[in-house]
Amino acid sequence: MKSVLIMRLTAMGDVAMTAPIVASACRANPNVHFSVLSTPLFEPFFEPLPNFTFIGTNIRKEKGGLPGLWRLFCELRARGGAEDKIPAKFDLVLDFHDVLRTKVLRNLFRMAGVRVFSVDKGRASKRELVSGRQRRQLKHMTERYADVFRSAGIEVPADRYVRSALDLPQAAMPWAAHRADEYWIGISPFAQHRSKMYPSDRMIRVVEGLLRRHNVRVFFFGGGSVEAEAARLMIEAATQNDVIAKDRCHNVINVMPLRDEMALMSHLDCMVSMDSSNMHICSLFGVRVVSLWGGTHPFAGFLGYGQDYNDAVQGATMPLCRTREA
C-alpha cells in the first residue's frame, strides 16, 4: 500500500475545492492511503473514508519560520503505523498549495528520498487574464489538482464526485417539518474582499423578492460577529414589520459549528453566494449555486466544482470578461 501526503493549508474555499478530488481518488484507489495536511478547522470538508487521514496543523501560529517547518517535517516523517492510523511512512508527497511553506516542506521530503509532485497553478495565464490580454476560460483548479494525482500515477475518475446530504443539525430541526413544502435558499452575502461583495441594498431587494413567495425559506450564512450583525440588519430591512416573512428568514451565522452549517447547506435547493468559500462548500454536495462575481471572474478557474457557468453573474461595474450582468 502506498501512503500519500497531500498539502493544502489555506484558504477555506481552496481547501474545500480539494475535497471532492481527494475523495474521488480515495474511492478509486482503495490500496492507497491518503493523508491531507491542512488547518484543523477544515477537517469537516473531507469525507471520512477507510483509506483517509486528516492531519491538522496551525502552521502560522505553531510552525512559524524555518525552525517550525523543520519540526513539522520531522513530525510528518515520524508518522506511520497502526497507532497513527497511517499504514506506512509517506512515499509520495503532493503539494496542492505551492507557496513558500509547502515548497520548503516538499524540498525537505525530496532530500529525504520521497517522490514529490506539485500543482501548476497557471499563474502566467491568470496574469494575462487579469491584465485583459486574453479572455478565455482557464483550466479549473479541481482539474489542476487531479493532474497532480495523475502525474504521480494515481487514478482519478473523470466523473464528478458529489457527497450525500448530511443529517440536519439539531439547531435546524424546528424548520425540518416544513422542508417538503418549501424551497430552502441560502444567502452568503459576504466575502474576504469588498470588491467581491454584492451591494447590501441590492441583496436586500433580492431577499425581499424571495420572501414574497410563501413557500421560500431563507438562511443567511457567513462567519464572525461583524457579519452576523450585518446579516441581522439586512434581514431586518428585508422583512421590516412583516412577521410572516421574518419567520421564514434565519440568520445562522455563529449559531452552529462549521460541520452543522455544512449539514444545513447540504439540504438547500439553491445558494446565492459571492466568490467565497460557501460556494465551494455547497458544491461538495451538488447544491446549485447562483454566484455573484465582482473583482474576480470564473474564467480564472475558481467557479464552484460542478457548477454551471450560466449561473455565474458578473457585476456590470467589473467589465473583465463578464458573462451576464447583475
Protein backbone atom coordinates (compact mmCIF):
# COMPACT_ATOMS: atom_id res chain seq x y z
CA MET A 1 0.00 0.00 0.00
CA LYS A 2 1.25 3.44 -0.94
CA SER A 3 0.99 6.24 1.60
CA VAL A 4 0.41 9.70 0.11
CA LEU A 5 0.63 13.09 1.85
CA ILE A 6 -1.32 15.97 0.29
CA MET A 7 -0.54 19.53 1.42
CA ARG A 8 -3.16 22.31 1.10
CA LEU A 9 -3.01 24.62 4.11
CA THR A 10 -5.27 27.58 3.28
CA ALA A 11 -7.64 29.26 2.37
CA MET A 12 -11.07 27.87 3.25
CA GLY A 13 -12.54 27.87 -0.25
CA ASP A 14 -9.37 26.50 -1.83
CA VAL A 15 -9.21 23.65 0.69
CA ALA A 16 -12.90 22.87 0.09
CA MET A 17 -12.15 22.55 -3.64
CA THR A 18 -9.57 19.83 -2.95
CA ALA A 19 -12.05 17.69 -1.00
CA PRO A 20 -14.05 16.14 -3.89
CA ILE A 21 -10.89 15.31 -5.83
CA VAL A 22 -9.30 13.70 -2.77
CA ALA A 23 -12.49 11.70 -2.07
CA SER A 24 -12.64 10.59 -5.70
CA ALA A 25 -9.00 9.45 -5.57
CA CYS A 26 -9.61 7.61 -2.28
CA ARG A 27 -12.54 5.66 -3.70
CA ALA A 28 -10.75 4.82 -6.94
CA ASN A 29 -7.57 3.67 -5.17
CA PRO A 30 -8.51 1.57 -2.11
CA ASN A 31 -4.94 0.22 -1.95
CA VAL A 32 -3.55 3.73 -1.37
CA HIS A 33 -3.77 5.63 1.91
CA PHE A 34 -4.22 9.39 1.58
CA SER A 35 -3.45 11.99 4.24
CA VAL A 36 -4.25 15.70 3.95
CA LEU A 37 -2.22 18.31 5.85
CA SER A 38 -4.34 21.41 6.42
CA THR A 39 -5.81 23.78 9.00
CA PRO A 40 -7.78 21.88 11.71
CA LEU A 41 -10.95 23.93 11.08
CA PHE A 42 -11.24 22.45 7.59
CA GLU A 43 -11.43 18.78 8.58
CA PRO A 44 -15.25 18.59 8.03
CA PHE A 45 -14.71 19.23 4.30
CA PHE A 46 -13.25 15.74 3.93
CA GLU A 47 -15.48 12.71 3.96
CA PRO A 48 -14.42 10.04 6.47
CA LEU A 49 -13.12 7.15 4.39
CA PRO A 50 -11.22 4.00 5.44
CA ASN A 51 -8.11 4.98 3.49
CA PHE A 52 -8.02 8.63 4.53
CA THR A 53 -6.46 10.57 7.43
CA PHE A 54 -6.68 14.28 8.17
CA ILE A 55 -3.62 15.93 9.76
CA GLY A 56 -4.35 19.32 11.29
CA THR A 57 -1.71 21.99 11.82
CA ASN A 58 -1.91 25.69 12.68
CA ILE A 59 1.20 26.32 10.66
CA ARG A 60 1.26 30.11 11.02
CA LYS A 61 0.92 30.04 14.79
CA GLU A 62 2.72 26.87 15.76
CA LYS A 63 5.21 26.21 12.97
CA GLY A 64 6.42 29.68 12.00
CA GLY A 65 9.80 30.20 10.35
CA LEU A 66 12.32 27.60 9.21
CA PRO A 67 12.72 26.02 12.69
CA GLY A 68 8.95 25.47 12.85
CA LEU A 69 8.83 23.97 9.37
CA TRP A 70 11.73 21.67 10.28
CA ARG A 71 9.80 20.48 13.37
CA LEU A 72 6.69 19.89 11.26
CA PHE A 73 8.74 17.94 8.70
CA CYS A 74 10.20 15.77 11.44
CA GLU A 75 6.72 15.14 12.87
CA LEU A 76 5.39 14.17 9.47
CA ARG A 77 8.35 11.89 8.77
CA ALA A 78 7.73 10.13 12.07
CA ARG A 79 4.11 9.33 11.24
CA GLY A 80 3.12 5.84 10.15
CA GLY A 81 1.94 2.70 11.88
CA ALA A 82 -1.29 1.31 13.31
CA GLU A 83 -1.39 3.76 16.23
CA ASP A 84 -1.10 6.68 13.83
CA LYS A 85 -3.90 5.38 11.54
CA ILE A 86 -1.45 5.71 8.64
CA PRO A 87 -0.24 2.31 7.37
CA ALA A 88 3.26 3.34 6.35
CA LYS A 89 5.69 6.21 6.02
CA PHE A 90 4.84 8.65 3.25
CA ASP A 91 6.35 7.60 -0.06
CA LEU A 92 4.61 10.31 -2.12
CA VAL A 93 4.08 14.00 -1.32
CA LEU A 94 1.65 16.08 -3.40
CA ASP A 95 1.81 19.84 -2.99
CA PHE A 96 -1.61 21.32 -3.83
CA HIS A 97 -0.64 24.73 -2.44
CA ASP A 98 2.72 25.69 -3.96
CA VAL A 99 3.59 28.50 -1.56
CA LEU A 100 6.84 29.17 0.30
CA ARG A 101 5.96 26.97 3.32
CA THR A 102 4.94 23.96 1.24
CA LYS A 103 7.92 24.44 -1.08
CA VAL A 104 10.23 24.17 1.95
CA LEU A 105 8.43 21.07 3.20
CA ARG A 106 8.37 19.32 -0.17
CA ASN A 107 12.09 20.02 -0.72
CA LEU A 108 12.86 18.52 2.68
CA PHE A 109 10.90 15.42 1.69
CA ARG A 110 12.67 15.31 -1.67
CA MET A 111 16.07 15.41 0.05
CA ALA A 112 14.86 12.54 2.24
CA GLY A 113 14.26 10.46 -0.87
CA VAL A 114 10.48 10.89 -1.11
CA ARG A 115 8.93 11.46 -4.55
CA VAL A 116 7.28 14.89 -4.77
CA PHE A 117 4.74 16.39 -7.20
CA SER A 118 3.29 19.91 -7.15
CA VAL A 119 0.35 21.73 -8.70
CA ASP A 120 0.72 24.02 -11.69
CA LYS A 121 -1.47 26.99 -10.77
CA GLY A 122 -1.19 28.55 -14.21
CA ARG A 123 -0.02 31.85 -12.77
CA ALA A 124 1.15 33.24 -16.13
CA SER A 125 -2.23 32.60 -17.76
CA LYS A 126 -4.01 34.21 -14.81
CA ARG A 127 -1.83 37.30 -15.09
CA GLU A 128 -2.80 37.59 -18.76
CA LEU A 129 -6.47 37.22 -17.83
CA VAL A 130 -6.28 39.92 -15.17
CA SER A 131 -4.39 42.27 -17.49
CA GLY A 132 -7.03 41.81 -20.19
CA ARG A 133 -4.58 40.41 -22.76
CA GLN A 134 -6.64 37.25 -23.02
CA ARG A 135 -10.31 36.47 -22.47
CA ARG A 136 -10.85 32.74 -22.24
CA GLN A 137 -11.76 30.07 -19.74
CA LEU A 138 -8.71 28.70 -17.90
CA LYS A 139 -8.39 25.20 -16.52
CA HIS A 140 -10.44 24.69 -13.35
CA MET A 141 -8.45 24.32 -10.14
CA THR A 142 -10.02 20.94 -9.36
CA GLU A 143 -8.71 19.67 -12.69
CA ARG A 144 -5.25 21.04 -11.81
CA TYR A 145 -5.40 19.06 -8.55
CA ALA A 146 -6.44 15.96 -10.49
CA ASP A 147 -3.45 16.48 -12.79
CA VAL A 148 -1.12 16.23 -9.78
CA PHE A 149 -2.59 12.83 -8.89
CA ARG A 150 -2.24 11.64 -12.47
CA SER A 151 1.38 12.83 -12.64
CA ALA A 152 2.04 10.69 -9.59
CA GLY A 153 0.42 7.67 -11.25
CA ILE A 154 -2.75 7.77 -9.15
CA GLU A 155 -6.08 7.25 -10.89
CA VAL A 156 -8.75 9.96 -10.57
CA PRO A 157 -12.08 9.27 -12.31
CA ALA A 158 -13.31 11.93 -14.71
CA ASP A 159 -16.86 11.69 -13.33
CA ARG A 160 -17.98 14.39 -10.91
CA TYR A 161 -17.95 13.23 -7.29
CA VAL A 162 -20.74 14.51 -5.01
CA ARG A 163 -21.21 13.81 -1.30
CA SER A 164 -24.58 12.71 0.06
CA ALA A 165 -26.58 15.17 2.16
CA LEU A 166 -25.76 15.08 5.86
CA ASP A 167 -28.33 14.74 8.64
CA LEU A 168 -29.92 18.06 9.55
CA PRO A 169 -28.31 19.51 12.68
CA GLN A 170 -30.34 19.81 15.86
CA ALA A 171 -30.49 23.60 15.54
CA ALA A 172 -32.31 23.22 12.20
CA MET A 173 -34.93 20.73 13.41
CA PRO A 174 -37.65 23.36 14.10
CA TRP A 175 -37.71 24.06 10.34
CA ALA A 176 -37.48 20.44 9.21
CA ALA A 177 -41.24 19.90 9.38
CA HIS A 178 -41.69 22.44 6.56
CA ARG A 179 -38.94 21.05 4.32
CA ALA A 180 -41.11 19.05 1.94
CA ASP A 181 -43.34 22.02 1.09
CA GLU A 182 -40.67 24.74 0.83
CA TYR A 183 -37.72 25.88 -1.21
CA TRP A 184 -34.71 26.41 1.04
CA ILE A 185 -32.39 29.10 -0.27
CA GLY A 186 -29.09 30.12 1.28
CA ILE A 187 -27.74 33.65 1.13
CA SER A 188 -23.99 34.13 1.57
CA PRO A 189 -23.55 37.88 1.01
CA PHE A 190 -20.03 38.28 2.36
CA ALA A 191 -16.50 37.77 1.03
CA GLN A 192 -12.98 38.41 2.25
CA HIS A 193 -12.58 41.42 -0.04
CA ARG A 194 -15.13 44.20 -0.53
CA SER A 195 -14.64 44.16 -4.32
CA LYS A 196 -16.13 40.64 -4.34
CA MET A 197 -19.31 41.60 -2.45
CA TYR A 198 -22.68 42.45 -3.95
CA PRO A 199 -24.02 45.78 -2.56
CA SER A 200 -26.10 45.18 0.56
CA ASP A 201 -29.02 47.34 -0.62
CA ARG A 202 -29.35 45.17 -3.74
CA MET A 203 -29.06 41.98 -1.74
CA ILE A 204 -31.87 43.21 0.50
CA ARG A 205 -34.02 43.57 -2.60
CA VAL A 206 -33.13 40.02 -3.63
CA VAL A 207 -34.22 38.69 -0.23
CA GLU A 208 -37.43 40.74 -0.36
CA GLY A 209 -38.27 39.21 -3.73
CA LEU A 210 -37.61 35.68 -2.48
CA LEU A 211 -39.75 36.13 0.63
CA ARG A 212 -42.72 37.28 -1.43
CA ARG A 213 -43.10 33.62 -2.28
CA HIS A 214 -44.90 31.97 0.61
CA ASN A 215 -43.03 28.68 0.12
CA VAL A 216 -39.47 30.04 0.35
CA ARG A 217 -37.31 29.88 3.48
CA VAL A 218 -34.06 31.87 3.50
CA PHE A 219 -30.88 31.24 5.53
CA PHE A 220 -28.01 33.72 5.90
CA PHE A 221 -24.52 32.18 6.10
CA GLY A 222 -21.18 33.75 6.97
CA GLY A 223 -18.64 33.94 9.76
CA GLY A 224 -17.74 36.32 12.55
CA SER A 225 -19.61 38.77 14.77
CA VAL A 226 -19.36 41.64 12.27
CA GLU A 227 -21.00 39.59 9.54
CA ALA A 228 -23.62 38.28 11.97
CA GLU A 229 -24.66 41.85 12.81
CA ALA A 230 -24.61 42.89 9.15
CA ALA A 231 -26.85 39.93 8.28
CA ARG A 232 -29.24 40.85 11.11
CA LEU A 233 -29.60 44.36 9.74
CA MET A 234 -30.18 43.05 6.22
CA ILE A 235 -32.88 40.68 7.44
CA GLU A 236 -34.49 43.47 9.41
CA ALA A 237 -34.54 45.70 6.33
CA ALA A 238 -35.85 42.94 4.05
CA THR A 239 -38.68 41.86 6.35
CA GLN A 240 -39.42 45.20 8.09
CA ASN A 241 -42.67 44.67 10.01
CA ASP A 242 -43.74 41.57 8.09
CA VAL A 243 -43.86 38.97 10.85
CA ILE A 244 -44.69 36.12 8.47
CA ALA A 245 -41.73 36.88 6.22
CA LYS A 246 -39.43 37.34 9.21
CA ASP A 247 -40.41 33.87 10.43
CA ARG A 248 -39.04 32.44 7.15
CA CYS A 249 -35.72 34.28 7.22
CA HIS A 250 -32.97 32.97 9.51
CA ASN A 251 -29.53 34.23 10.46
CA VAL A 252 -27.43 31.12 11.21
CA ILE A 253 -24.09 32.96 11.44
CA ASN A 254 -22.29 32.00 14.67
CA VAL A 255 -25.28 29.85 15.63
CA MET A 256 -23.76 26.46 14.80
CA PRO A 257 -20.31 24.96 14.16
CA LEU A 258 -18.96 24.56 10.64
CA ARG A 259 -19.91 20.88 10.43
CA ASP A 260 -23.56 21.73 11.24
CA GLU A 261 -23.55 24.62 8.77
CA MET A 262 -22.36 22.20 6.11
CA ALA A 263 -25.17 19.81 7.02
CA LEU A 264 -27.75 22.57 6.64
CA MET A 265 -26.21 23.67 3.33
CA SER A 266 -26.45 20.11 2.02
CA HIS A 267 -30.26 20.38 2.25
CA LEU A 268 -30.58 23.68 0.37
CA ASP A 269 -32.28 23.90 -3.00
CA CYS A 270 -30.01 26.76 -4.01
CA MET A 271 -27.32 29.03 -2.60
CA VAL A 272 -26.82 32.67 -3.63
CA SER A 273 -23.16 33.35 -2.95
CA MET A 274 -20.25 35.61 -3.74
CA ASP A 275 -16.96 34.14 -4.96
CA SER A 276 -16.40 32.76 -1.46
CA SER A 277 -15.94 29.55 0.49
CA ASN A 278 -19.68 28.85 0.87
CA MET A 279 -19.95 28.46 -2.90
CA HIS A 280 -17.36 25.68 -2.68
CA ILE A 281 -18.91 24.05 0.40
CA CYS A 282 -22.31 23.80 -1.32
CA SER A 283 -20.60 22.38 -4.39
CA LEU A 284 -19.37 19.42 -2.31
CA PHE A 285 -22.99 18.29 -2.04
CA GLY A 286 -24.11 19.15 -5.57
CA VAL A 287 -26.24 22.09 -4.38
CA ARG A 288 -26.89 24.59 -7.16
CA VAL A 289 -25.13 27.94 -6.59
CA VAL A 290 -26.00 31.25 -8.21
CA SER A 291 -22.66 33.02 -7.80
CA LEU A 292 -22.19 36.80 -7.95
CA TRP A 293 -18.75 37.96 -9.09
CA GLY A 294 -17.25 41.40 -8.63
CA GLY A 295 -13.48 41.89 -8.62
CA THR A 296 -12.85 38.28 -9.67
CA HIS A 297 -14.12 36.15 -12.55
CA PRO A 298 -14.98 32.45 -13.02
CA PHE A 299 -12.69 32.30 -16.06
CA ALA A 300 -9.76 32.10 -13.62
CA GLY A 301 -10.79 28.56 -12.66
CA PHE A 302 -12.40 29.12 -9.26
CA LEU A 303 -16.07 28.53 -10.04
CA GLY A 304 -17.60 26.02 -7.65
CA TYR A 305 -16.88 22.38 -8.51
CA GLY A 306 -19.51 21.14 -10.96
CA GLN A 307 -21.39 24.45 -11.08
CA ASP A 308 -22.94 25.84 -14.28
CA TYR A 309 -21.22 28.87 -15.80
CA ASN A 310 -24.68 30.15 -16.75
CA ASP A 311 -25.34 30.59 -13.02
CA ALA A 312 -22.31 32.90 -12.65
CA VAL A 313 -23.31 36.58 -12.68
CA GLN A 314 -20.62 39.18 -13.33
CA GLY A 315 -21.19 42.70 -11.99
CA ALA A 316 -21.61 45.38 -14.66
CA THR A 317 -19.05 47.59 -12.91
CA MET A 318 -16.39 44.89 -13.31
CA PRO A 319 -16.07 44.53 -17.12
CA LEU A 320 -13.26 41.95 -17.18
CA CYS A 321 -14.57 39.02 -19.27
CA ARG A 322 -18.02 39.45 -17.79
CA THR A 323 -20.69 36.85 -18.52
CA ARG A 324 -24.17 38.03 -17.59
CA GLU A 325 -24.60 41.42 -15.95
CA ALA A 326 -26.06 41.74 -12.47
